[in-house]
Amino acid sequence: MVQASDVLLILVAIIFPPAAAAFITGCSCDLLINILLTVLGYLPGHIHAFWLIYRKMKAEERYGRGGFVYVGNGQYQPLASGQLPYAAPQANYGATQM
């Protein structure tokens, strides 16, 4: 199912493909690849951005919305149970649970 955020990503990809790649992958090698493809030819940058959007949509279908993290090269991993995306490990600072 297509979400509103996916429609916005597609619109951004049509206007400027590296921005869509940055929204999906963050500052990663895929962003650099998309920038280079866009510089070499506008169409290859579009194709790569649409491929990244497609892979994100497939990950949402498989793992649920927000139930995955991007690991690179268009690949996603499910979150471990109880793990928050991009959250630092919690420190107890001497407190214990009883």
PDB file of N, CA and C in Angstrom:
ATOM      1  N   MET A   1       0.843  -1.168   0.000  1.00  0.00           N
ATOM      2  CA  MET A   1       0.000   0.000   0.000  1.00  0.00           C
ATOM      3  C   MET A   1       0.892   1.236   0.000  1.00  0.00           C
ATOM      4  N   VAL A   2       0.550   2.212  -0.792  1.00  0.00           N
ATOM      5  CA  VAL A   2       1.352   3.422  -0.913  1.00  0.00           C
ATOM      6  C   VAL A   2       0.932   4.410   0.171  1.00  0.00           C
ATOM      7  N   GLN A   3       1.909   4.833   0.968  1.00  0.00           N
ATOM      8  CA  GLN A   3       1.685   5.808   2.030  1.00  0.00           C
ATOM      9  C   GLN A   3       1.861   7.220   1.477  1.00  0.00           C
ATOM     10  N   ALA A   4       1.387   8.211   2.205  1.00  0.00           N
ATOM     11  CA  ALA A   4       1.556   9.606   1.795  1.00  0.00           C
ATOM     12  C   ALA A   4       3.034   9.980   1.774  1.00  0.00           C
ATOM     13  N   SER A   5       3.813   9.417   2.705  1.00  0.00           N
ATOM     14  CA  SER A   5       5.246   9.710   2.734  1.00  0.00           C
ATOM     15  C   SER A   5       5.944   9.163   1.488  1.00  0.00           C
ATOM     16  N   ASP A   6       5.455   8.037   0.975  1.00  0.00           N
ATOM     17  CA  ASP A   6       6.033   7.480  -0.254  1.00  0.00           C
ATOM     18  C   ASP A   6       5.718   8.368  -1.458  1.00  0.00           C
ATOM     19  N   VAL A   7       4.516   8.916  -1.478  1.00  0.00           N
ATOM     20  CA  VAL A   7       4.147   9.825  -2.569  1.00  0.00           C
ATOM     21  C   VAL A   7       5.042  11.065  -2.527  1.00  0.00           C
ATOM     22  N   LEU A   8       5.275  11.598  -1.329  1.00  0.00           N
ATOM     23  CA  LEU A   8       6.168  12.752  -1.200  1.00  0.00           C
ATOM     24  C   LEU A   8       7.589  12.409  -1.632  1.00  0.00           C
ATOM     25  N   LEU A   9       8.057  11.218  -1.268  1.00  0.00           N
ATOM     26  CA  LEU A   9       9.391  10.793  -1.703  1.00  0.00           C
ATOM     27  C   LEU A   9       9.470  10.703  -3.226  1.00  0.00           C
ATOM     28  N   ILE A  10       8.434  10.210  -3.851  1.00  0.00           N
ATOM     29  CA  ILE A  10       8.414  10.112  -5.315  1.00  0.00           C
ATOM     30  C   ILE A  10       8.452  11.503  -5.938  1.00  0.00           C
ATOM     31  N   LEU A  11       7.690  12.434  -5.378  1.00  0.00           N
ATOM     32  CA  LEU A  11       7.716  13.804  -5.900  1.00  0.00           C
ATOM     33  C   LEU A  11       9.089  14.446  -5.732  1.00  0.00           C
ATOM     34  N   VAL A  12       9.713  14.223  -4.582  1.00  0.00           N
ATOM     35  CA  VAL A  12      11.059  14.750  -4.354  1.00  0.00           C
ATOM     36  C   VAL A  12      12.041  14.095  -5.316  1.00  0.00           C
ATOM     37  N   ALA A  13      11.881  12.800  -5.568  1.00  0.00           N
ATOM     38  CA  ALA A  13      12.769  12.092  -6.489  1.00  0.00           C
ATOM     39  C   ALA A  13      12.627  12.616  -7.910  1.00  0.00           C
ATOM     40  N   ILE A  14      11.440  13.035  -8.294  1.00  0.00           N
ATOM     41  CA  ILE A  14      11.247  13.593  -9.627  1.00  0.00           C
ATOM     42  C   ILE A  14      11.960  14.939  -9.748  1.00  0.00           C
ATOM     43  N   ILE A  15      11.880  15.748  -8.704  1.00  0.00           N
ATOM     44  CA  ILE A  15      12.485  17.078  -8.739  1.00  0.00           C
ATOM     45  C   ILE A  15      13.999  17.005  -8.578  1.00  0.00           C
ATOM     46  N   PHE A  16      14.463  16.289  -7.534  1.00  0.00           N
ATOM     47  CA  PHE A  16      15.902  16.217  -7.244  1.00  0.00           C
ATOM     48  C   PHE A  16      16.219  14.858  -6.612  1.00  0.00           C
ATOM     49  N   PRO A  17      16.647  13.877  -7.410  1.00  0.00           N
ATOM     50  CA  PRO A  17      16.849  12.515  -6.921  1.00  0.00           C
ATOM     51  C   PRO A  17      17.790  12.380  -5.711  1.00  0.00           C
ATOM     52  N   PRO A  18      18.904  13.130  -5.613  1.00  0.00           N
ATOM     53  CA  PRO A  18      19.751  12.960  -4.425  1.00  0.00           C
ATOM     54  C   PRO A  18      19.065  13.322  -3.108  1.00  0.00           C
ATOM     55  N   ALA A  19      18.106  14.240  -3.147  1.00  0.00           N
ATOM     56  CA  ALA A  19      17.380  14.575  -1.919  1.00  0.00           C
ATOM     57  C   ALA A  19      16.545  13.383  -1.452  1.00  0.00           C
ATOM     58  N   ALA A  20      15.903  12.705  -2.371  1.00  0.00           N
ATOM     59  CA  ALA A  20      15.122  11.517  -1.998  1.00  0.00           C
ATOM     60  C   ALA A  20      16.033  10.421  -1.459  1.00  0.00           C
ATOM     61  N   ALA A  21      17.197  10.246  -2.090  1.00  0.00           N
ATOM     62  CA  ALA A  21      18.147   9.250  -1.604  1.00  0.00           C
ATOM     63  C   ALA A  21      18.647   9.615  -0.211  1.00  0.00           C
ATOM     64  N   ALA A  22      18.846  10.894   0.051  1.00  0.00           N
ATOM     65  CA  ALA A  22      19.297  11.325   1.379  1.00  0.00           C
ATOM     66  C   ALA A  22      18.234  11.076   2.432  1.00  0.00           C
ATOM     67  N   PHE A  23      16.961  11.295   2.093  1.00  0.00           N
ATOM     68  CA  PHE A  23      15.879  11.038   3.045  1.00  0.00           C
ATOM     69  C   PHE A  23      15.796   9.563   3.404  1.00  0.00           C
ATOM     70  N   ILE A  24      16.061   8.695   2.445  1.00  0.00           N
ATOM     71  CA  ILE A  24      15.926   7.262   2.674  1.00  0.00           C
ATOM     72  C   ILE A  24      17.162   6.685   3.363  1.00  0.00           C
ATOM     73  N   THR A  25      18.354   7.017   2.851  1.00  0.00           N
ATOM     74  CA  THR A  25      19.570   6.349   3.313  1.00  0.00           C
ATOM     75  C   THR A  25      20.399   7.160   4.287  1.00  0.00           C
ATOM     76  N   GLY A  26      20.120   8.442   4.404  1.00  0.00           N
ATOM     77  CA  GLY A  26      20.961   9.290   5.230  1.00  0.00           C
ATOM     78  C   GLY A  26      22.267   9.552   4.502  1.00  0.00           C
ATOM     79  N   CYS A  27      23.287   9.893   5.233  1.00  0.00           N
ATOM     80  CA  CYS A  27      24.593  10.155   4.633  1.00  0.00           C
ATOM     81  C   CYS A  27      25.316   8.818   4.480  1.00  0.00           C
ATOM     82  N   SER A  28      25.148   8.209   3.329  1.00  0.00           N
ATOM     83  CA  SER A  28      25.715   6.885   3.109  1.00  0.00           C
ATOM     84  C   SER A  28      26.324   6.804   1.718  1.00  0.00           C
ATOM     85  N   CYS A  29      26.859   5.652   1.406  1.00  0.00           N
ATOM     86  CA  CYS A  29      27.443   5.414   0.090  1.00  0.00           C
ATOM     87  C   CYS A  29      26.376   5.501  -1.001  1.00  0.00           C
ATOM     88  N   ASP A  30      25.154   5.099  -0.691  1.00  0.00           N
ATOM     89  CA  ASP A  30      24.073   5.181  -1.675  1.00  0.00           C
ATOM     90  C   ASP A  30      23.769   6.626  -2.051  1.00  0.00           C
ATOM     91  N   LEU A  31      23.925   7.548  -1.119  1.00  0.00           N
ATOM     92  CA  LEU A  31      23.734   8.955  -1.441  1.00  0.00           C
ATOM     93  C   LEU A  31      24.810   9.426  -2.409  1.00  0.00           C
ATOM     94  N   LEU A  32      26.049   9.044  -2.160  1.00  0.00           N
ATOM     95  CA  LEU A  32      27.148   9.413  -3.056  1.00  0.00           C
ATOM     96  C   LEU A  32      26.929   8.815  -4.445  1.00  0.00           C
ATOM     97  N   ILE A  33      26.502   7.565  -4.501  1.00  0.00           N
ATOM     98  CA  ILE A  33      26.228   6.912  -5.782  1.00  0.00           C
ATOM     99  C   ILE A  33      25.127   7.668  -6.524  1.00  0.00           C
ATOM    100  N   ASN A  34      24.083   8.074  -5.798  1.00  0.00           N
ATOM    101  CA  ASN A  34      22.988   8.782  -6.449  1.00  0.00           C
ATOM    102  C   ASN A  34      23.430  10.148  -6.956  1.00  0.00           C
ATOM    103  N   ILE A  35      24.258  10.836  -6.203  1.00  0.00           N
ATOM    104  CA  ILE A  35      24.773  12.133  -6.657  1.00  0.00           C
ATOM    105  C   ILE A  35      25.580  11.949  -7.933  1.00  0.00           C
ATOM    106  N   LEU A  36      26.455  10.949  -7.941  1.00  0.00           N
ATOM    107  CA  LEU A  36      27.273  10.703  -9.129  1.00  0.00           C
ATOM    108  C   LEU A  36      26.415  10.306 -10.334  1.00  0.00           C
ATOM    109  N   LEU A  37      25.419   9.473 -10.129  1.00  0.00           N
ATOM    110  CA  LEU A  37      24.533   9.084 -11.224  1.00  0.00           C
ATOM    111  C   LEU A  37      23.743  10.276 -11.755  1.00  0.00           C
ATOM    112  N   THR A  38      23.329  11.159 -10.856  1.00  0.00           N
ATOM    113  CA  THR A  38      22.584  12.340 -11.283  1.00  0.00           C
ATOM    114  C   THR A  38      23.473  13.298 -12.073  1.00  0.00           C
ATOM    115  N   VAL A  39      24.738  13.423 -11.661  1.00  0.00           N
ATOM    116  CA  VAL A  39      25.670  14.288 -12.386  1.00  0.00           C
ATOM    117  C   VAL A  39      25.977  13.701 -13.762  1.00  0.00           C
ATOM    118  N   LEU A  40      26.129  12.384 -13.816  1.00  0.00           N
ATOM    119  CA  LEU A  40      26.449  11.738 -15.095  1.00  0.00           C
ATOM    120  C   LEU A  40      25.265  11.739 -16.055  1.00  0.00           C
ATOM    121  N   GLY A  41      24.090  11.727 -15.519  1.00  0.00           N
ATOM    122  CA  GLY A  41      22.883  11.750 -16.349  1.00  0.00           C
ATOM    123  C   GLY A  41      21.682  11.795 -15.431  1.00  0.00           C
ATOM    124  N   TYR A  42      20.762  12.664 -15.716  1.00  0.00           N
ATOM    125  CA  TYR A  42      19.630  12.854 -14.817  1.00  0.00           C
ATOM    126  C   TYR A  42      18.769  11.592 -14.703  1.00  0.00           C
ATOM    127  N   LEU A  43      18.612  10.860 -15.790  1.00  0.00           N
ATOM    128  CA  LEU A  43      17.793   9.646 -15.774  1.00  0.00           C
ATOM    129  C   LEU A  43      18.375   8.538 -14.884  1.00  0.00           C
ATOM    130  N   PRO A  44      19.687   8.253 -14.926  1.00  0.00           N
ATOM    131  CA  PRO A  44      20.207   7.229 -14.008  1.00  0.00           C
ATOM    132  C   PRO A  44      20.010   7.585 -12.534  1.00  0.00           C
ATOM    133  N   GLY A  45      20.098   8.862 -12.204  1.00  0.00           N
ATOM    134  CA  GLY A  45      19.824   9.286 -10.828  1.00  0.00           C
ATOM    135  C   GLY A  45      18.383   9.021 -10.435  1.00  0.00           C
ATOM    136  N   HIS A  46      17.460   9.243 -11.377  1.00  0.00           N
ATOM    137  CA  HIS A  46      16.051   8.951 -11.125  1.00  0.00           C
ATOM    138  C   HIS A  46      15.825   7.459 -10.905  1.00  0.00           C
ATOM    139  N   ILE A  47      16.402   6.663 -11.758  1.00  0.00           N
ATOM    140  CA  ILE A  47      16.222   5.210 -11.654  1.00  0.00           C
ATOM    141  C   ILE A  47      16.717   4.710 -10.299  1.00  0.00           C
ATOM    142  N   HIS A  48      17.888   5.182  -9.878  1.00  0.00           N
ATOM    143  CA  HIS A  48      18.442   4.757  -8.592  1.00  0.00           C
ATOM    144  C   HIS A  48      17.556   5.224  -7.433  1.00  0.00           C
ATOM    145  N   ALA A  49      17.067   6.451  -7.480  1.00  0.00           N
ATOM    146  CA  ALA A  49      16.198   6.963  -6.411  1.00  0.00           C
ATOM    147  C   ALA A  49      14.899   6.169  -6.349  1.00  0.00           C
ATOM    148  N   PHE A  50      14.310   5.863  -7.511  1.00  0.00           N
ATOM    149  CA  PHE A  50      13.075   5.085  -7.514  1.00  0.00           C
ATOM    150  C   PHE A  50      13.318   3.656  -7.021  1.00  0.00           C
ATOM    151  N   TRP A  51      14.491   3.105  -7.310  1.00  0.00           N
ATOM    152  CA  TRP A  51      14.831   1.776  -6.803  1.00  0.00           C
ATOM    153  C   TRP A  51      14.930   1.799  -5.278  1.00  0.00           C
ATOM    154  N   LEU A  52      15.546   2.851  -4.724  1.00  0.00           N
ATOM    155  CA  LEU A  52      15.640   2.965  -3.269  1.00  0.00           C
ATOM    156  C   LEU A  52      14.251   3.103  -2.635  1.00  0.00           C
ATOM    157  N   ILE A  53      13.373   3.874  -3.266  1.00  0.00           N
ATOM    158  CA  ILE A  53      12.004   4.030  -2.759  1.00  0.00           C
ATOM    159  C   ILE A  53      11.265   2.691  -2.813  1.00  0.00           C
ATOM    160  N   TYR A  54      11.437   1.967  -3.905  1.00  0.00           N
ATOM    161  CA  TYR A  54      10.803   0.647  -4.040  1.00  0.00           C
ATOM    162  C   TYR A  54      11.269  -0.299  -2.941  1.00  0.00           C
ATOM    163  N   ARG A  55      12.587  -0.316  -2.687  1.00  0.00           N
ATOM    164  CA  ARG A  55      13.120  -1.201  -1.639  1.00  0.00           C
ATOM    165  C   ARG A  55      12.582  -0.809  -0.259  1.00  0.00           C
ATOM    166  N   LYS A  56      12.434   0.485  -0.002  1.00  0.00           N
ATOM    167  CA  LYS A  56      11.884   0.953   1.266  1.00  0.00           C
ATOM    168  C   LYS A  56      10.428   0.517   1.408  1.00  0.00           C
ATOM    169  N   MET A  57       9.661   0.617   0.332  1.00  0.00           N
ATOM    170  CA  MET A  57       8.267   0.201   0.384  1.00  0.00           C
ATOM    171  C   MET A  57       8.147  -1.304   0.638  1.00  0.00           C
ATOM    172  N   LYS A  58       9.037  -2.084   0.040  1.00  0.00           N
ATOM    173  CA  LYS A  58       9.026  -3.536   0.272  1.00  0.00           C
ATOM    174  C   LYS A  58       9.390  -3.851   1.726  1.00  0.00           C
ATOM    175  N   ALA A  59      10.333  -3.107   2.293  1.00  0.00           N
ATOM    176  CA  ALA A  59      10.699  -3.319   3.698  1.00  0.00           C
ATOM    177  C   ALA A  59       9.535  -2.965   4.616  1.00  0.00           C
ATOM    178  N   GLU A  60       8.773  -1.914   4.281  1.00  0.00           N
ATOM    179  CA  GLU A  60       7.597  -1.569   5.078  1.00  0.00           C
ATOM    180  C   GLU A  60       6.542  -2.662   5.009  1.00  0.00           C
ATOM    181  N   GLU A  61       6.381  -3.281   3.858  1.00  0.00           N
ATOM    182  CA  GLU A  61       5.429  -4.386   3.735  1.00  0.00           C
ATOM    183  C   GLU A  61       5.871  -5.589   4.557  1.00  0.00           C
ATOM    184  N   ARG A  62       7.163  -5.869   4.540  1.00  0.00           N
ATOM    185  CA  ARG A  62       7.676  -7.056   5.210  1.00  0.00           C
ATOM    186  C   ARG A  62       7.753  -6.891   6.722  1.00  0.00           C
ATOM    187  N   TYR A  63       8.308  -5.760   7.198  1.00  0.00           N
ATOM    188  CA  TYR A  63       8.593  -5.583   8.623  1.00  0.00           C
ATOM    189  C   TYR A  63       7.641  -4.635   9.329  1.00  0.00           C
ATOM    190  N   GLY A  64       6.746  -3.998   8.604  1.00  0.00           N
ATOM    191  CA  GLY A  64       5.853  -3.020   9.212  1.00  0.00           C
ATOM    192  C   GLY A  64       6.497  -1.644   9.206  1.00  0.00           C
ATOM    193  N   ARG A  65       5.675  -0.656   9.338  1.00  0.00           N
ATOM    194  CA  ARG A  65       6.153   0.725   9.293  1.00  0.00           C
ATOM    195  C   ARG A  65       7.037   1.005  10.506  1.00  0.00           C
ATOM    196  N   GLY A  66       8.291   1.371  10.261  1.00  0.00           N
ATOM    197  CA  GLY A  66       9.223   1.687  11.337  1.00  0.00           C
ATOM    198  C   GLY A  66       9.836   0.473  12.004  1.00  0.00           C
ATOM    199  N   GLY A  67       9.602  -0.724  11.484  1.00  0.00           N
ATOM    200  CA  GLY A  67      10.120  -1.940  12.101  1.00  0.00           C
ATOM    201  C   GLY A  67      11.404  -2.430  11.474  1.00  0.00           C
ATOM    202  N   PHE A  68      12.181  -1.530  10.872  1.00  0.00           N
ATOM    203  CA  PHE A  68      13.391  -1.935  10.164  1.00  0.00           C
ATOM    204  C   PHE A  68      14.405  -0.805  10.189  1.00  0.00           C
ATOM    205  N   VAL A  69      15.651  -1.147   9.896  1.00  0.00           N
ATOM    206  CA  VAL A  69      16.715  -0.154   9.746  1.00  0.00           C
ATOM    207  C   VAL A  69      17.405  -0.394   8.410  1.00  0.00           C
ATOM    208  N   TYR A  70      17.879   0.671   7.815  1.00  0.00           N
ATOM    209  CA  TYR A  70      18.589   0.584   6.545  1.00  0.00           C
ATOM    210  C   TYR A  70      20.034   0.191   6.829  1.00  0.00           C
ATOM    211  N   VAL A  71      20.531  -0.845   6.151  1.00  0.00           N
ATOM    212  CA  VAL A  71      21.899  -1.311   6.385  1.00  0.00           C
ATOM    213  C   VAL A  71      22.812  -1.078   5.193  1.00  0.00           C
ATOM    214  N   GLY A  72      22.288  -0.514   4.119  1.00  0.00           N
ATOM    215  CA  GLY A  72      23.114  -0.205   2.962  1.00  0.00           C
ATOM    216  C   GLY A  72      22.785  -1.074   1.769  1.00  0.00           C
ATOM    217  N   ASN A  73      23.119  -0.579   0.591  1.00  0.00           N
ATOM    218  CA  ASN A  73      22.930  -1.288  -0.669  1.00  0.00           C
ATOM    219  C   ASN A  73      21.477  -1.709  -0.888  1.00  0.00           C
ATOM    220  N   GLY A  74      20.552  -0.863  -0.444  1.00  0.00           N
ATOM    221  CA  GLY A  74      19.140  -1.174  -0.633  1.00  0.00           C
ATOM    222  C   GLY A  74      18.625  -2.291   0.249  1.00  0.00           C
ATOM    223  N   GLN A  75      19.358  -2.654   1.281  1.00  0.00           N
ATOM    224  CA  GLN A  75      18.981  -3.754   2.166  1.00  0.00           C
ATOM    225  C   GLN A  75      18.492  -3.214   3.506  1.00  0.00           C
ATOM    226  N   TYR A  76      17.535  -3.909   4.087  1.00  0.00           N
ATOM    227  CA  TYR A  76      16.971  -3.537   5.378  1.00  0.00           C
ATOM    228  C   TYR A  76      17.024  -4.734   6.306  1.00  0.00           C
ATOM    229  N   GLN A  77      17.122  -4.454   7.612  1.00  0.00           N
ATOM    230  CA  GLN A  77      17.080  -5.493   8.632  1.00  0.00           C
ATOM    231  C   GLN A  77      15.948  -5.178   9.594  1.00  0.00           C
ATOM    232  N   PRO A  78      15.285  -6.206  10.109  1.00  0.00           N
ATOM    233  CA  PRO A  78      14.251  -5.933  11.103  1.00  0.00           C
ATOM    234  C   PRO A  78      14.885  -5.488  12.415  1.00  0.00           C
ATOM    235  N   LEU A  79      14.164  -4.699  13.168  1.00  0.00           N
ATOM    236  CA  LEU A  79      14.627  -4.300  14.487  1.00  0.00           C
ATOM    237  C   LEU A  79      14.477  -5.469  15.443  1.00  0.00           C
ATOM    238  N   ALA A  80      15.404  -5.565  16.378  1.00  0.00           N
ATOM    239  CA  ALA A  80      15.262  -6.570  17.425  1.00  0.00           C
ATOM    240  C   ALA A  80      14.083  -6.160  18.309  1.00  0.00           C
ATOM    241  N   SER A  81      13.477  -7.101  18.983  1.00  0.00           N
ATOM    242  CA  SER A  81      12.309  -6.775  19.802  1.00  0.00           C
ATOM    243  C   SER A  81      12.702  -5.778  20.892  1.00  0.00           C
ATOM    244  N   GLY A  82      11.939  -4.713  20.979  1.00  0.00           N
ATOM    245  CA  GLY A  82      12.206  -3.679  21.972  1.00  0.00           C
ATOM    246  C   GLY A  82      13.239  -2.653  21.545  1.00  0.00           C
ATOM    247  N   GLN A  83      13.883  -2.844  20.411  1.00  0.00           N
ATOM    248  CA  GLN A  83      14.919  -1.913  19.949  1.00  0.00           C
ATOM    249  C   GLN A  83      14.259  -0.745  19.231  1.00  0.00           C
ATOM    250  N   LEU A  84      14.722   0.451  19.537  1.00  0.00           N
ATOM    251  CA  LEU A  84      14.224   1.633  18.858  1.00  0.00           C
ATOM    252  C   LEU A  84      15.169   1.982  17.725  1.00  0.00           C
ATOM    253  N   PRO A  85      14.656   2.459  16.597  1.00  0.00           N
ATOM    254  CA  PRO A  85      15.547   2.826  15.501  1.00  0.00           C
ATOM    255  C   PRO A  85      16.434   4.004  15.880  1.00  0.00           C
ATOM    256  N   TYR A  86      17.698   3.868  15.644  1.00  0.00           N
ATOM    257  CA  TYR A  86      18.703   4.908  15.874  1.00  0.00           C
ATOM    258  C   TYR A  86      18.783   5.353  17.325  1.00  0.00           C
ATOM    259  N   ALA A  87      18.431   4.491  18.254  1.00  0.00           N
ATOM    260  CA  ALA A  87      18.507   4.852  19.669  1.00  0.00           C
ATOM    261  C   ALA A  87      19.803   4.314  20.265  1.00  0.00           C
ATOM    262  N   ALA A  88      20.402   5.133  21.080  1.00  0.00           N
ATOM    263  CA  ALA A  88      21.621   4.716  21.772  1.00  0.00           C
ATOM    264  C   ALA A  88      21.251   3.746  22.882  1.00  0.00           C
ATOM    265  N   PRO A  89      22.178   2.839  23.227  1.00  0.00           N
ATOM    266  CA  PRO A  89      21.889   1.917  24.332  1.00  0.00           C
ATOM    267  C   PRO A  89      21.670   2.686  25.629  1.00  0.00           C
ATOM    268  N   GLN A  90      20.741   2.213  26.427  1.00  0.00           N
ATOM    269  CA  GLN A  90      20.436   2.892  27.680  1.00  0.00           C
ATOM    270  C   GLN A  90      21.419   2.473  28.771  1.00  0.00           C
ATOM    271  N   ALA A  91      21.933   3.468  29.479  1.00  0.00           N
ATOM    272  CA  ALA A  91      22.841   3.192  30.589  1.00  0.00           C
ATOM    273  C   ALA A  91      22.058   3.263  31.892  1.00  0.00           C
ATOM    274  N   ASN A  92      22.362   2.389  32.818  1.00  0.00           N
ATOM    275  CA  ASN A  92      21.647   2.353  34.095  1.00  0.00           C
ATOM    276  C   ASN A  92      22.294   3.251  35.141  1.00  0.00           C
ATOM    277  N   TYR A  93      23.559   3.569  35.004  1.00  0.00           N
ATOM    278  CA  TYR A  93      24.284   4.433  35.921  1.00  0.00           C
ATOM    279  C   TYR A  93      24.139   3.974  37.370  1.00  0.00           C
ATOM    280  N   GLY A  94      24.313   2.709  37.613  1.00  0.00           N
ATOM    281  CA  GLY A  94      24.329   2.168  38.954  1.00  0.00           C
ATOM    282  C   GLY A  94      22.969   1.743  39.469  1.00  0.00           C
ATOM    283  N   ALA A  95      21.914   2.112  38.836  1.00  0.00           N
ATOM    284  CA  ALA A  95      20.587   1.711  39.285  1.00  0.00           C
ATOM    285  C   ALA A  95      20.336   0.267  38.872  1.00  0.00           C
ATOM    286  N   THR A  96      19.636  -0.461  39.687  1.00  0.00           N
ATOM    287  CA  THR A  96      19.310  -1.846  39.368  1.00  0.00           C
ATOM    288  C   THR A  96      17.801  -2.021  39.450  1.00  0.00           C
ATOM    289  N   GLN A  97      17.328  -3.012  38.721  1.00  0.00           N
ATOM    290  CA  GLN A  97      15.906  -3.343  38.786  1.00  0.00           C
ATOM    291  C   GLN A  97      15.720  -4.523  39.714  1.00  0.00           C
ATOM    292  N   MET A  98      14.696  -4.482  40.517  1.00  0.00           N
ATOM    293  CA  MET A  98      14.434  -5.582  41.454  1.00  0.00           C
ATOM    294  C   MET A  98      13.165  -6.253  41.120  1.00  0.00           C
TER     295      MET A  98
END
